[in-house]
Amino acid sequence: MSSPAVGDWIMKPELSTAHLDIEDRDLEYEKRVQLQPHVVYLALSSEVKVGVTRKTQIPTRWIDQGAVQAIPIVEVPNRYLAGITEVALKNHFADKTNWQKMLKNEYLQMDLIAERNKVFDWLPTEVKDYFPKEEKIIQLDFPVLQYPKKVTSLNLDKTPNFSGTLTGIKGQYLLFEDGTVFNVRTYEGYVVKMSL
């Protein structure tokens, strides 16, 4: 069995080792990032998905994902415990968002409290003590006048100039009247000029 690659804990929190005082590259930095409260949650964006984020990223992470509702499952003291919880729950929930459905505002009508209440038996033993009896659903609204019926992603490398009427913002996307969507995160390293 091979050992994890350097930095795997960034994408796979279940591989985090700072709580064991084991260094990946820079133990001081890793402790600062990994040894802080993390929340495992259920979010509804296209379907119910399970996710992990640092507590300080709530509700930013849910907004970024375009979730219309979210509910915490557990708040744990480190990234490792959050990771093993997410892995256990991936057997029961998706861990990715269907971005096209999310942008069309197509999502399953689900009772997140009922879904959350199912998970206790699926939790790793190490995190069961962190499961609170009750949590409230967080409702998220986005400034959208019109959702696209058909989604066309704007690629700045192929289309460096675009003109359109902005009809909304959902998650990390700008939505335009003609169904074009612009993923702001995809172009973080680009210089983009916008005029209104």
N, C-alpha and C. Protein backbone atom coordinates (compact mmCIF):
# COMPACT_ATOMS: atom_id res chain seq x y z
N MET A 1 0.85 -1.18 0.00
CA MET A 1 0.00 0.00 0.00
C MET A 1 0.90 1.24 0.00
N SER A 2 0.61 2.18 -0.88
CA SER A 2 1.45 3.38 -0.96
C SER A 2 0.99 4.43 0.04
N SER A 3 1.90 5.29 0.43
CA SER A 3 1.55 6.36 1.36
C SER A 3 0.91 7.50 0.57
N PRO A 4 0.11 8.36 1.24
CA PRO A 4 -0.54 9.46 0.54
C PRO A 4 0.49 10.45 -0.01
N ALA A 5 0.14 11.07 -1.11
CA ALA A 5 1.00 12.08 -1.72
C ALA A 5 1.03 13.33 -0.85
N VAL A 6 2.08 14.08 -0.97
CA VAL A 6 2.23 15.33 -0.22
C VAL A 6 1.05 16.25 -0.55
N GLY A 7 0.40 16.77 0.48
CA GLY A 7 -0.69 17.71 0.28
C GLY A 7 -2.04 17.07 0.02
N ASP A 8 -2.14 15.73 0.08
CA ASP A 8 -3.43 15.07 -0.16
C ASP A 8 -4.50 15.52 0.82
N TRP A 9 -4.12 15.92 2.05
CA TRP A 9 -5.09 16.34 3.05
C TRP A 9 -5.88 17.56 2.60
N ILE A 10 -5.34 18.32 1.65
CA ILE A 10 -6.05 19.50 1.17
C ILE A 10 -7.34 19.06 0.48
N MET A 11 -7.24 18.08 -0.40
CA MET A 11 -8.41 17.60 -1.13
C MET A 11 -9.12 16.46 -0.41
N LYS A 12 -8.40 15.71 0.39
CA LYS A 12 -8.97 14.56 1.09
C LYS A 12 -8.75 14.74 2.59
N PRO A 13 -9.70 15.38 3.27
CA PRO A 13 -9.48 15.67 4.69
C PRO A 13 -9.28 14.43 5.54
N GLU A 14 -9.76 13.27 5.08
CA GLU A 14 -9.58 12.03 5.85
C GLU A 14 -8.11 11.61 5.92
N LEU A 15 -7.24 12.24 5.09
CA LEU A 15 -5.80 11.95 5.12
C LEU A 15 -5.02 12.95 5.98
N SER A 16 -5.72 13.86 6.61
CA SER A 16 -5.09 14.86 7.47
C SER A 16 -4.35 14.17 8.63
N THR A 17 -3.16 14.68 8.95
CA THR A 17 -2.34 14.05 10.01
C THR A 17 -1.84 15.03 11.07
N ALA A 18 -2.19 16.29 10.97
CA ALA A 18 -1.70 17.29 11.93
C ALA A 18 -2.12 16.96 13.35
N HIS A 19 -3.29 16.35 13.53
CA HIS A 19 -3.77 15.99 14.87
C HIS A 19 -2.88 14.91 15.52
N LEU A 20 -2.06 14.25 14.70
CA LEU A 20 -1.12 13.23 15.20
C LEU A 20 0.30 13.78 15.32
N ASP A 21 0.46 15.10 15.07
CA ASP A 21 1.78 15.75 15.05
C ASP A 21 2.67 15.20 13.93
N ILE A 22 2.05 14.74 12.86
CA ILE A 22 2.80 14.24 11.70
C ILE A 22 2.79 15.31 10.62
N GLU A 23 3.99 15.69 10.20
CA GLU A 23 4.15 16.76 9.21
C GLU A 23 3.99 16.22 7.79
N ASP A 24 3.32 17.02 6.96
CA ASP A 24 3.26 16.75 5.52
C ASP A 24 4.36 17.58 4.88
N ARG A 25 4.25 18.90 4.97
CA ARG A 25 5.30 19.81 4.49
C ARG A 25 5.71 20.81 5.56
N ASP A 26 4.72 21.38 6.23
CA ASP A 26 4.97 22.45 7.20
C ASP A 26 3.98 22.26 8.35
N LEU A 27 4.41 21.57 9.40
CA LEU A 27 3.51 21.19 10.49
C LEU A 27 2.84 22.39 11.15
N GLU A 28 3.57 23.48 11.31
CA GLU A 28 2.98 24.67 11.94
C GLU A 28 1.78 25.17 11.12
N TYR A 29 1.98 25.28 9.81
CA TYR A 29 0.89 25.72 8.92
C TYR A 29 -0.26 24.69 8.93
N GLU A 30 0.09 23.42 8.82
CA GLU A 30 -0.92 22.36 8.77
C GLU A 30 -1.76 22.35 10.04
N LYS A 31 -1.13 22.57 11.19
CA LYS A 31 -1.89 22.63 12.44
C LYS A 31 -2.84 23.82 12.44
N ARG A 32 -2.35 24.95 11.93
CA ARG A 32 -3.19 26.15 11.89
C ARG A 32 -4.45 25.90 11.05
N VAL A 33 -4.31 25.19 9.95
CA VAL A 33 -5.43 24.94 9.03
C VAL A 33 -6.27 23.74 9.47
N GLN A 34 -5.61 22.67 9.87
CA GLN A 34 -6.32 21.42 10.12
C GLN A 34 -6.90 21.30 11.53
N LEU A 35 -6.26 21.95 12.50
CA LEU A 35 -6.70 21.82 13.89
C LEU A 35 -7.59 22.99 14.29
N GLN A 36 -8.65 23.16 13.56
CA GLN A 36 -9.67 24.15 13.87
C GLN A 36 -11.02 23.50 13.61
N PRO A 37 -12.08 24.05 14.16
CA PRO A 37 -13.39 23.43 13.98
C PRO A 37 -13.78 23.31 12.50
N HIS A 38 -14.24 22.12 12.14
CA HIS A 38 -14.77 21.83 10.81
C HIS A 38 -16.20 21.32 10.96
N VAL A 39 -17.00 21.61 9.97
CA VAL A 39 -18.41 21.20 9.98
C VAL A 39 -18.65 20.27 8.80
N VAL A 40 -19.29 19.15 9.09
CA VAL A 40 -19.79 18.26 8.04
C VAL A 40 -21.28 18.59 7.93
N TYR A 41 -21.76 18.73 6.70
CA TYR A 41 -23.11 19.24 6.49
C TYR A 41 -23.80 18.52 5.34
N LEU A 42 -25.10 18.70 5.27
CA LEU A 42 -25.88 18.33 4.10
C LEU A 42 -26.34 19.63 3.45
N ALA A 43 -26.24 19.69 2.13
CA ALA A 43 -26.67 20.88 1.40
C ALA A 43 -27.55 20.43 0.25
N LEU A 44 -28.53 21.25 -0.08
CA LEU A 44 -29.43 20.97 -1.19
C LEU A 44 -29.18 22.00 -2.28
N SER A 45 -28.57 21.55 -3.37
CA SER A 45 -28.34 22.44 -4.51
C SER A 45 -28.98 21.86 -5.76
N SER A 46 -28.70 20.62 -6.07
CA SER A 46 -29.39 19.90 -7.14
C SER A 46 -30.02 18.65 -6.54
N GLU A 47 -29.33 18.06 -5.62
CA GLU A 47 -29.80 16.94 -4.79
C GLU A 47 -29.12 17.12 -3.45
N VAL A 48 -29.42 16.25 -2.51
CA VAL A 48 -28.76 16.36 -1.21
C VAL A 48 -27.33 15.87 -1.35
N LYS A 49 -26.39 16.70 -0.91
CA LYS A 49 -24.98 16.32 -0.95
C LYS A 49 -24.38 16.51 0.43
N VAL A 50 -23.33 15.74 0.70
CA VAL A 50 -22.59 15.88 1.94
C VAL A 50 -21.32 16.66 1.64
N GLY A 51 -20.90 17.49 2.58
CA GLY A 51 -19.68 18.26 2.39
C GLY A 51 -19.01 18.58 3.71
N VAL A 52 -17.79 19.12 3.60
CA VAL A 52 -16.98 19.51 4.75
C VAL A 52 -16.49 20.93 4.51
N THR A 53 -16.48 21.74 5.55
CA THR A 53 -15.87 23.06 5.46
C THR A 53 -15.40 23.48 6.85
N ARG A 54 -14.44 24.41 6.86
CA ARG A 54 -14.06 24.99 8.14
C ARG A 54 -15.26 25.78 8.68
N LYS A 55 -15.42 25.79 9.98
CA LYS A 55 -16.56 26.50 10.58
C LYS A 55 -16.58 27.96 10.16
N THR A 56 -15.40 28.55 9.99
CA THR A 56 -15.33 29.97 9.61
C THR A 56 -15.85 30.22 8.19
N GLN A 57 -16.03 29.16 7.39
CA GLN A 57 -16.49 29.30 6.01
C GLN A 57 -18.01 29.15 5.87
N ILE A 58 -18.71 29.05 6.99
CA ILE A 58 -20.17 28.94 6.95
C ILE A 58 -20.73 30.35 7.10
N PRO A 59 -21.66 30.80 6.28
CA PRO A 59 -22.35 30.11 5.19
C PRO A 59 -21.69 30.30 3.82
N THR A 60 -20.50 30.91 3.79
CA THR A 60 -19.84 31.20 2.51
C THR A 60 -19.75 29.98 1.61
N ARG A 61 -19.38 28.84 2.18
CA ARG A 61 -19.23 27.62 1.37
C ARG A 61 -20.56 27.22 0.74
N TRP A 62 -21.65 27.32 1.49
CA TRP A 62 -22.96 26.94 0.97
C TRP A 62 -23.42 27.90 -0.13
N ILE A 63 -23.15 29.17 0.06
CA ILE A 63 -23.50 30.17 -0.95
C ILE A 63 -22.71 29.88 -2.23
N ASP A 64 -21.41 29.61 -2.08
CA ASP A 64 -20.54 29.33 -3.21
C ASP A 64 -21.03 28.12 -4.01
N GLN A 65 -21.61 27.14 -3.33
CA GLN A 65 -22.11 25.93 -3.99
C GLN A 65 -23.49 26.12 -4.60
N GLY A 66 -24.12 27.25 -4.34
CA GLY A 66 -25.46 27.48 -4.86
C GLY A 66 -26.53 26.70 -4.12
N ALA A 67 -26.28 26.34 -2.87
CA ALA A 67 -27.25 25.57 -2.09
C ALA A 67 -28.44 26.45 -1.73
N VAL A 68 -29.64 25.88 -1.82
CA VAL A 68 -30.84 26.61 -1.40
C VAL A 68 -31.15 26.35 0.07
N GLN A 69 -30.63 25.22 0.58
CA GLN A 69 -30.77 24.89 1.99
C GLN A 69 -29.52 24.14 2.44
N ALA A 70 -29.22 24.25 3.73
CA ALA A 70 -28.11 23.48 4.30
C ALA A 70 -28.41 23.23 5.76
N ILE A 71 -27.80 22.16 6.27
CA ILE A 71 -27.95 21.84 7.69
C ILE A 71 -26.67 21.16 8.18
N PRO A 72 -26.11 21.63 9.29
CA PRO A 72 -24.93 20.96 9.84
C PRO A 72 -25.29 19.57 10.37
N ILE A 73 -24.33 18.65 10.25
CA ILE A 73 -24.48 17.32 10.84
C ILE A 73 -23.67 17.27 12.13
N VAL A 74 -22.37 17.54 12.01
CA VAL A 74 -21.50 17.57 13.19
C VAL A 74 -20.50 18.71 13.04
N GLU A 75 -20.10 19.25 14.18
CA GLU A 75 -18.95 20.17 14.23
C GLU A 75 -17.88 19.45 15.02
N VAL A 76 -16.73 19.23 14.39
CA VAL A 76 -15.65 18.48 15.01
C VAL A 76 -14.41 19.37 15.15
N PRO A 77 -13.46 19.02 16.03
CA PRO A 77 -12.33 19.91 16.30
C PRO A 77 -11.20 19.88 15.28
N ASN A 78 -11.26 18.95 14.30
CA ASN A 78 -10.16 18.92 13.33
C ASN A 78 -10.62 18.39 11.98
N ARG A 79 -9.77 18.60 11.00
CA ARG A 79 -10.08 18.23 9.62
C ARG A 79 -10.17 16.71 9.44
N TYR A 80 -9.36 15.96 10.15
CA TYR A 80 -9.37 14.50 10.03
C TYR A 80 -10.74 13.92 10.40
N LEU A 81 -11.28 14.33 11.55
CA LEU A 81 -12.59 13.81 11.98
C LEU A 81 -13.68 14.19 10.98
N ALA A 82 -13.59 15.39 10.44
CA ALA A 82 -14.55 15.80 9.41
C ALA A 82 -14.41 14.92 8.17
N GLY A 83 -13.18 14.62 7.81
CA GLY A 83 -12.92 13.81 6.62
C GLY A 83 -13.45 12.40 6.73
N ILE A 84 -13.21 11.76 7.87
CA ILE A 84 -13.70 10.38 8.00
C ILE A 84 -15.23 10.34 8.07
N THR A 85 -15.82 11.42 8.57
CA THR A 85 -17.28 11.50 8.60
C THR A 85 -17.83 11.64 7.19
N GLU A 86 -17.22 12.54 6.41
CA GLU A 86 -17.68 12.72 5.02
C GLU A 86 -17.54 11.42 4.23
N VAL A 87 -16.43 10.72 4.39
CA VAL A 87 -16.22 9.46 3.67
C VAL A 87 -17.32 8.46 4.03
N ALA A 88 -17.66 8.36 5.31
CA ALA A 88 -18.70 7.42 5.73
C ALA A 88 -20.05 7.79 5.12
N LEU A 89 -20.32 9.08 4.99
CA LEU A 89 -21.63 9.53 4.49
C LEU A 89 -21.71 9.55 2.96
N LYS A 90 -20.55 9.50 2.28
CA LYS A 90 -20.56 9.44 0.81
C LYS A 90 -21.21 8.16 0.30
N ASN A 91 -21.32 7.15 1.16
CA ASN A 91 -22.01 5.93 0.77
C ASN A 91 -23.52 6.12 0.68
N HIS A 92 -24.01 7.25 1.23
CA HIS A 92 -25.45 7.50 1.30
C HIS A 92 -25.89 8.77 0.59
N PHE A 93 -24.95 9.69 0.37
CA PHE A 93 -25.27 10.97 -0.26
C PHE A 93 -24.22 11.30 -1.31
N ALA A 94 -24.61 12.08 -2.29
CA ALA A 94 -23.65 12.57 -3.28
C ALA A 94 -22.65 13.50 -2.59
N ASP A 95 -21.48 13.68 -3.21
CA ASP A 95 -20.53 14.66 -2.67
C ASP A 95 -20.19 15.71 -3.72
N LYS A 96 -20.94 15.74 -4.80
CA LYS A 96 -20.74 16.73 -5.87
C LYS A 96 -22.09 17.38 -6.19
N THR A 97 -22.02 18.59 -6.71
CA THR A 97 -23.21 19.31 -7.13
C THR A 97 -23.35 19.18 -8.64
N ASN A 98 -24.55 18.90 -9.13
CA ASN A 98 -24.82 18.95 -10.55
C ASN A 98 -25.00 20.43 -10.88
N TRP A 99 -23.95 21.06 -11.38
CA TRP A 99 -23.93 22.52 -11.55
C TRP A 99 -24.97 23.01 -12.54
N GLN A 100 -25.28 22.24 -13.57
CA GLN A 100 -26.29 22.69 -14.54
C GLN A 100 -27.68 22.72 -13.92
N LYS A 101 -28.02 21.68 -13.17
CA LYS A 101 -29.32 21.67 -12.48
C LYS A 101 -29.38 22.79 -11.45
N MET A 102 -28.28 22.98 -10.72
CA MET A 102 -28.24 24.04 -9.72
C MET A 102 -28.51 25.39 -10.36
N LEU A 103 -27.92 25.64 -11.54
CA LEU A 103 -28.10 26.93 -12.20
C LEU A 103 -29.50 27.10 -12.79
N LYS A 104 -30.15 26.01 -13.12
CA LYS A 104 -31.54 26.07 -13.61
C LYS A 104 -32.53 26.11 -12.45
N ASN A 105 -32.01 26.03 -11.22
CA ASN A 105 -32.81 25.99 -10.00
C ASN A 105 -33.68 24.74 -9.95
N GLU A 106 -33.14 23.64 -10.48
CA GLU A 106 -33.83 22.35 -10.44
C GLU A 106 -33.22 21.53 -9.31
N TYR A 107 -34.03 21.27 -8.31
CA TYR A 107 -33.54 20.47 -7.19
C TYR A 107 -34.69 19.64 -6.62
N LEU A 108 -34.32 18.53 -6.01
CA LEU A 108 -35.30 17.65 -5.39
C LEU A 108 -35.87 18.32 -4.16
N GLN A 109 -37.15 18.18 -3.95
CA GLN A 109 -37.77 18.67 -2.72
C GLN A 109 -37.49 17.63 -1.64
N MET A 110 -36.64 17.97 -0.71
CA MET A 110 -36.21 17.03 0.32
C MET A 110 -36.39 17.66 1.70
N ASP A 111 -36.62 16.84 2.69
CA ASP A 111 -36.68 17.28 4.08
C ASP A 111 -35.29 17.06 4.67
N LEU A 112 -34.50 18.14 4.74
CA LEU A 112 -33.12 18.00 5.22
C LEU A 112 -33.03 17.56 6.67
N ILE A 113 -34.02 17.94 7.48
CA ILE A 113 -34.00 17.49 8.88
C ILE A 113 -34.17 15.98 8.93
N ALA A 114 -35.09 15.45 8.14
CA ALA A 114 -35.30 13.99 8.10
C ALA A 114 -34.05 13.29 7.57
N GLU A 115 -33.42 13.87 6.55
CA GLU A 115 -32.19 13.27 5.99
C GLU A 115 -31.08 13.28 7.04
N ARG A 116 -30.95 14.39 7.76
CA ARG A 116 -29.93 14.50 8.80
C ARG A 116 -30.17 13.48 9.92
N ASN A 117 -31.43 13.29 10.27
CA ASN A 117 -31.75 12.38 11.36
C ASN A 117 -31.43 10.93 11.03
N LYS A 118 -31.25 10.60 9.75
CA LYS A 118 -30.91 9.24 9.35
C LYS A 118 -29.44 8.90 9.59
N VAL A 119 -28.58 9.90 9.72
CA VAL A 119 -27.14 9.66 9.60
C VAL A 119 -26.45 9.12 10.85
N PHE A 120 -27.06 9.22 12.02
CA PHE A 120 -26.35 8.89 13.25
C PHE A 120 -25.72 7.49 13.20
N ASP A 121 -26.45 6.51 12.76
CA ASP A 121 -25.92 5.14 12.72
C ASP A 121 -24.79 4.98 11.71
N TRP A 122 -24.69 5.88 10.75
CA TRP A 122 -23.66 5.81 9.71
C TRP A 122 -22.37 6.52 10.13
N LEU A 123 -22.43 7.29 11.21
CA LEU A 123 -21.27 8.07 11.63
C LEU A 123 -20.18 7.18 12.21
N PRO A 124 -18.91 7.53 11.98
CA PRO A 124 -17.82 6.81 12.65
C PRO A 124 -17.96 6.98 14.17
N THR A 125 -17.59 5.99 14.91
CA THR A 125 -17.69 6.02 16.37
C THR A 125 -17.02 7.26 16.96
N GLU A 126 -15.87 7.66 16.38
CA GLU A 126 -15.10 8.80 16.92
C GLU A 126 -15.86 10.13 16.88
N VAL A 127 -16.90 10.24 16.06
CA VAL A 127 -17.59 11.53 15.94
C VAL A 127 -19.01 11.51 16.48
N LYS A 128 -19.49 10.39 16.93
CA LYS A 128 -20.89 10.31 17.41
C LYS A 128 -21.17 11.28 18.56
N ASP A 129 -20.17 11.52 19.41
CA ASP A 129 -20.37 12.47 20.53
C ASP A 129 -20.53 13.91 20.05
N TYR A 130 -20.19 14.19 18.82
CA TYR A 130 -20.30 15.56 18.28
C TYR A 130 -21.63 15.80 17.56
N PHE A 131 -22.49 14.79 17.53
CA PHE A 131 -23.76 14.90 16.82
C PHE A 131 -24.81 15.53 17.75
N PRO A 132 -25.19 16.78 17.49
CA PRO A 132 -26.22 17.40 18.34
C PRO A 132 -27.60 16.83 18.02
N LYS A 133 -28.47 16.82 19.00
CA LYS A 133 -29.81 16.26 18.79
C LYS A 133 -30.61 17.08 17.78
N GLU A 134 -30.40 18.38 17.77
CA GLU A 134 -31.17 19.24 16.86
C GLU A 134 -30.26 20.20 16.12
N GLU A 135 -30.66 20.52 14.92
CA GLU A 135 -30.03 21.56 14.11
C GLU A 135 -31.13 22.21 13.28
N LYS A 136 -30.93 23.45 12.94
CA LYS A 136 -31.91 24.16 12.11
C LYS A 136 -31.44 24.20 10.67
N ILE A 137 -32.40 24.20 9.77
CA ILE A 137 -32.10 24.35 8.35
C ILE A 137 -31.76 25.81 8.08
N ILE A 138 -30.71 26.04 7.32
CA ILE A 138 -30.36 27.38 6.87
C ILE A 138 -30.92 27.52 5.46
N GLN A 139 -31.76 28.52 5.26
CA GLN A 139 -32.37 28.79 3.95
C GLN A 139 -31.51 29.84 3.26
N LEU A 140 -31.18 29.64 1.99
CA LEU A 140 -30.35 30.58 1.24
C LEU A 140 -31.10 31.04 0.00
N ASP A 141 -31.10 32.33 -0.21
CA ASP A 141 -31.76 32.92 -1.38
C ASP A 141 -30.72 33.64 -2.22
N PHE A 142 -30.92 33.61 -3.52
CA PHE A 142 -29.98 34.22 -4.46
C PHE A 142 -30.68 35.29 -5.27
N PRO A 143 -29.95 36.36 -5.62
CA PRO A 143 -30.55 37.44 -6.42
C PRO A 143 -30.65 37.04 -7.89
N VAL A 144 -31.72 36.34 -8.23
CA VAL A 144 -31.92 35.87 -9.61
C VAL A 144 -33.29 36.30 -10.09
N LEU A 145 -33.32 37.03 -11.21
CA LEU A 145 -34.59 37.43 -11.82
C LEU A 145 -35.13 36.35 -12.75
N GLN A 146 -34.19 35.62 -13.38
CA GLN A 146 -34.59 34.61 -14.36
C GLN A 146 -33.52 33.51 -14.39
N TYR A 147 -33.98 32.27 -14.20
CA TYR A 147 -33.06 31.14 -14.30
C TYR A 147 -33.02 30.66 -15.75
N PRO A 148 -31.87 30.21 -16.22
CA PRO A 148 -31.78 29.73 -17.61
C PRO A 148 -32.51 28.40 -17.79
N LYS A 149 -33.09 28.23 -18.96
CA LYS A 149 -33.72 26.94 -19.29
C LYS A 149 -32.67 26.00 -19.86
N LYS A 150 -31.72 26.56 -20.60
CA LYS A 150 -30.59 25.82 -21.16
C LYS A 150 -29.33 26.58 -20.76
N VAL A 151 -28.34 25.88 -20.24
CA VAL A 151 -27.13 26.52 -19.72
C VAL A 151 -26.01 26.43 -20.75
N THR A 152 -25.40 27.57 -21.05
CA THR A 152 -24.22 27.62 -21.91
C THR A 152 -23.11 28.30 -21.13
N SER A 153 -22.03 27.59 -20.92
CA SER A 153 -20.92 28.11 -20.13
C SER A 153 -20.04 29.03 -20.98
N LEU A 154 -19.74 30.22 -20.47
CA LEU A 154 -18.87 31.17 -21.16
C LEU A 154 -17.41 30.77 -20.95
N ASN A 155 -16.70 30.56 -22.05
CA ASN A 155 -15.28 30.21 -22.01
C ASN A 155 -14.50 31.41 -22.53
N LEU A 156 -13.79 32.10 -21.64
CA LEU A 156 -13.06 33.31 -22.03
C LEU A 156 -11.93 33.04 -23.01
N ASP A 157 -11.40 31.82 -23.02
CA ASP A 157 -10.34 31.50 -23.97
C ASP A 157 -10.88 31.41 -25.39
N LYS A 158 -12.12 30.97 -25.53
CA LYS A 158 -12.75 30.86 -26.85
C LYS A 158 -13.55 32.10 -27.21
N THR A 159 -14.11 32.76 -26.20
CA THR A 159 -14.93 33.95 -26.41
C THR A 159 -14.43 35.05 -25.48
N PRO A 160 -13.41 35.80 -25.91
CA PRO A 160 -12.83 36.80 -25.01
C PRO A 160 -13.72 38.03 -24.80
N ASN A 161 -14.70 38.24 -25.68
CA ASN A 161 -15.63 39.37 -25.53
C ASN A 161 -17.05 38.84 -25.49
N PHE A 162 -17.80 39.31 -24.51
CA PHE A 162 -19.18 38.86 -24.36
C PHE A 162 -20.02 40.05 -23.91
N SER A 163 -21.23 40.13 -24.43
CA SER A 163 -22.16 41.18 -24.03
C SER A 163 -23.50 40.52 -23.74
N GLY A 164 -24.11 40.88 -22.63
CA GLY A 164 -25.40 40.29 -22.29
C GLY A 164 -26.02 40.99 -21.11
N THR A 165 -27.27 40.64 -20.83
CA THR A 165 -28.00 41.22 -19.70
C THR A 165 -27.91 40.29 -18.50
N LEU A 166 -27.35 40.78 -17.43
CA LEU A 166 -27.20 40.00 -16.20
C LEU A 166 -28.57 39.83 -15.55
N THR A 167 -28.96 38.58 -15.28
CA THR A 167 -30.27 38.33 -14.65
C THR A 167 -30.14 37.71 -13.27
N GLY A 168 -28.91 37.42 -12.86
CA GLY A 168 -28.78 36.88 -11.52
C GLY A 168 -27.38 36.40 -11.18
N ILE A 169 -27.22 36.06 -9.90
CA ILE A 169 -25.98 35.48 -9.38
C ILE A 169 -26.40 34.29 -8.53
N LYS A 170 -25.83 33.14 -8.82
CA LYS A 170 -26.10 31.96 -8.00
C LYS A 170 -24.80 31.20 -7.83
N GLY A 171 -24.44 30.98 -6.58
CA GLY A 171 -23.17 30.32 -6.31
C GLY A 171 -22.05 31.17 -6.84
N GLN A 172 -21.13 30.56 -7.57
CA GLN A 172 -19.99 31.27 -8.13
C GLN A 172 -20.24 31.69 -9.58
N TYR A 173 -21.51 31.73 -9.98
CA TYR A 173 -21.86 32.00 -11.38
C TYR A 173 -22.63 33.30 -11.54
N LEU A 174 -22.32 34.00 -12.64
CA LEU A 174 -23.16 35.10 -13.11
C LEU A 174 -24.07 34.50 -14.18
N LEU A 175 -25.36 34.82 -14.12
CA LEU A 175 -26.35 34.29 -15.06
C LEU A 175 -26.80 35.41 -16.00
N PHE A 176 -26.85 35.11 -17.28
CA PHE A 176 -27.27 36.09 -18.27
C PHE A 176 -28.57 35.67 -18.94
N GLU A 177 -29.26 36.67 -19.49
CA GLU A 177 -30.60 36.49 -20.06
C GLU A 177 -30.66 35.41 -21.14
N ASP A 178 -29.60 35.25 -21.92
CA ASP A 178 -29.62 34.29 -23.03
C ASP A 178 -29.23 32.87 -22.60
N GLY A 179 -29.08 32.63 -21.27
CA GLY A 179 -28.71 31.30 -20.79
C GLY A 179 -27.22 31.11 -20.61
N THR A 180 -26.43 32.12 -20.98
CA THR A 180 -24.98 32.05 -20.75
C THR A 180 -24.71 32.19 -19.26
N VAL A 181 -23.78 31.38 -18.77
CA VAL A 181 -23.36 31.47 -17.37
C VAL A 181 -21.85 31.65 -17.33
N PHE A 182 -21.40 32.45 -16.38
CA PHE A 182 -19.98 32.74 -16.24
C PHE A 182 -19.52 32.29 -14.87
N ASN A 183 -18.62 31.29 -14.82
CA ASN A 183 -18.09 30.77 -13.57
C ASN A 183 -16.91 31.65 -13.15
N VAL A 184 -17.14 32.50 -12.18
CA VAL A 184 -16.14 33.47 -11.73
C VAL A 184 -14.90 32.75 -11.20
N ARG A 185 -15.08 31.67 -10.45
CA ARG A 185 -13.95 30.94 -9.87
C ARG A 185 -13.02 30.36 -10.92
N THR A 186 -13.57 29.91 -12.02
CA THR A 186 -12.76 29.32 -13.08
C THR A 186 -11.72 30.31 -13.60
N TYR A 187 -12.04 31.59 -13.58
CA TYR A 187 -11.18 32.61 -14.17
C TYR A 187 -10.54 33.51 -13.12
N GLU A 188 -10.24 32.97 -11.95
CA GLU A 188 -9.64 33.76 -10.87
C GLU A 188 -8.30 34.39 -11.26
N GLY A 189 -7.53 33.76 -12.10
CA GLY A 189 -6.22 34.31 -12.49
C GLY A 189 -6.28 35.24 -13.68
N TYR A 190 -7.46 35.48 -14.22
CA TYR A 190 -7.62 36.33 -15.41
C TYR A 190 -7.90 37.77 -14.99
N VAL A 191 -7.60 38.69 -15.89
CA VAL A 191 -8.00 40.08 -15.72
C VAL A 191 -9.24 40.26 -16.58
N VAL A 192 -10.36 40.55 -15.96
CA VAL A 192 -11.63 40.68 -16.66
C VAL A 192 -12.14 42.09 -16.48
N LYS A 193 -12.48 42.76 -17.57
CA LYS A 193 -13.06 44.10 -17.50
C LYS A 193 -14.54 44.00 -17.79
N MET A 194 -15.34 44.63 -16.93
CA MET A 194 -16.77 44.64 -17.12
C MET A 194 -17.25 46.07 -17.17
N SER A 195 -18.20 46.32 -18.04
CA SER A 195 -18.79 47.66 -18.07
C SER A 195 -20.31 47.50 -18.05
N LEU A 196 -20.96 48.45 -17.37
CA LEU A 196 -22.41 48.39 -17.21
C LEU A 196 -23.07 49.52 -17.97
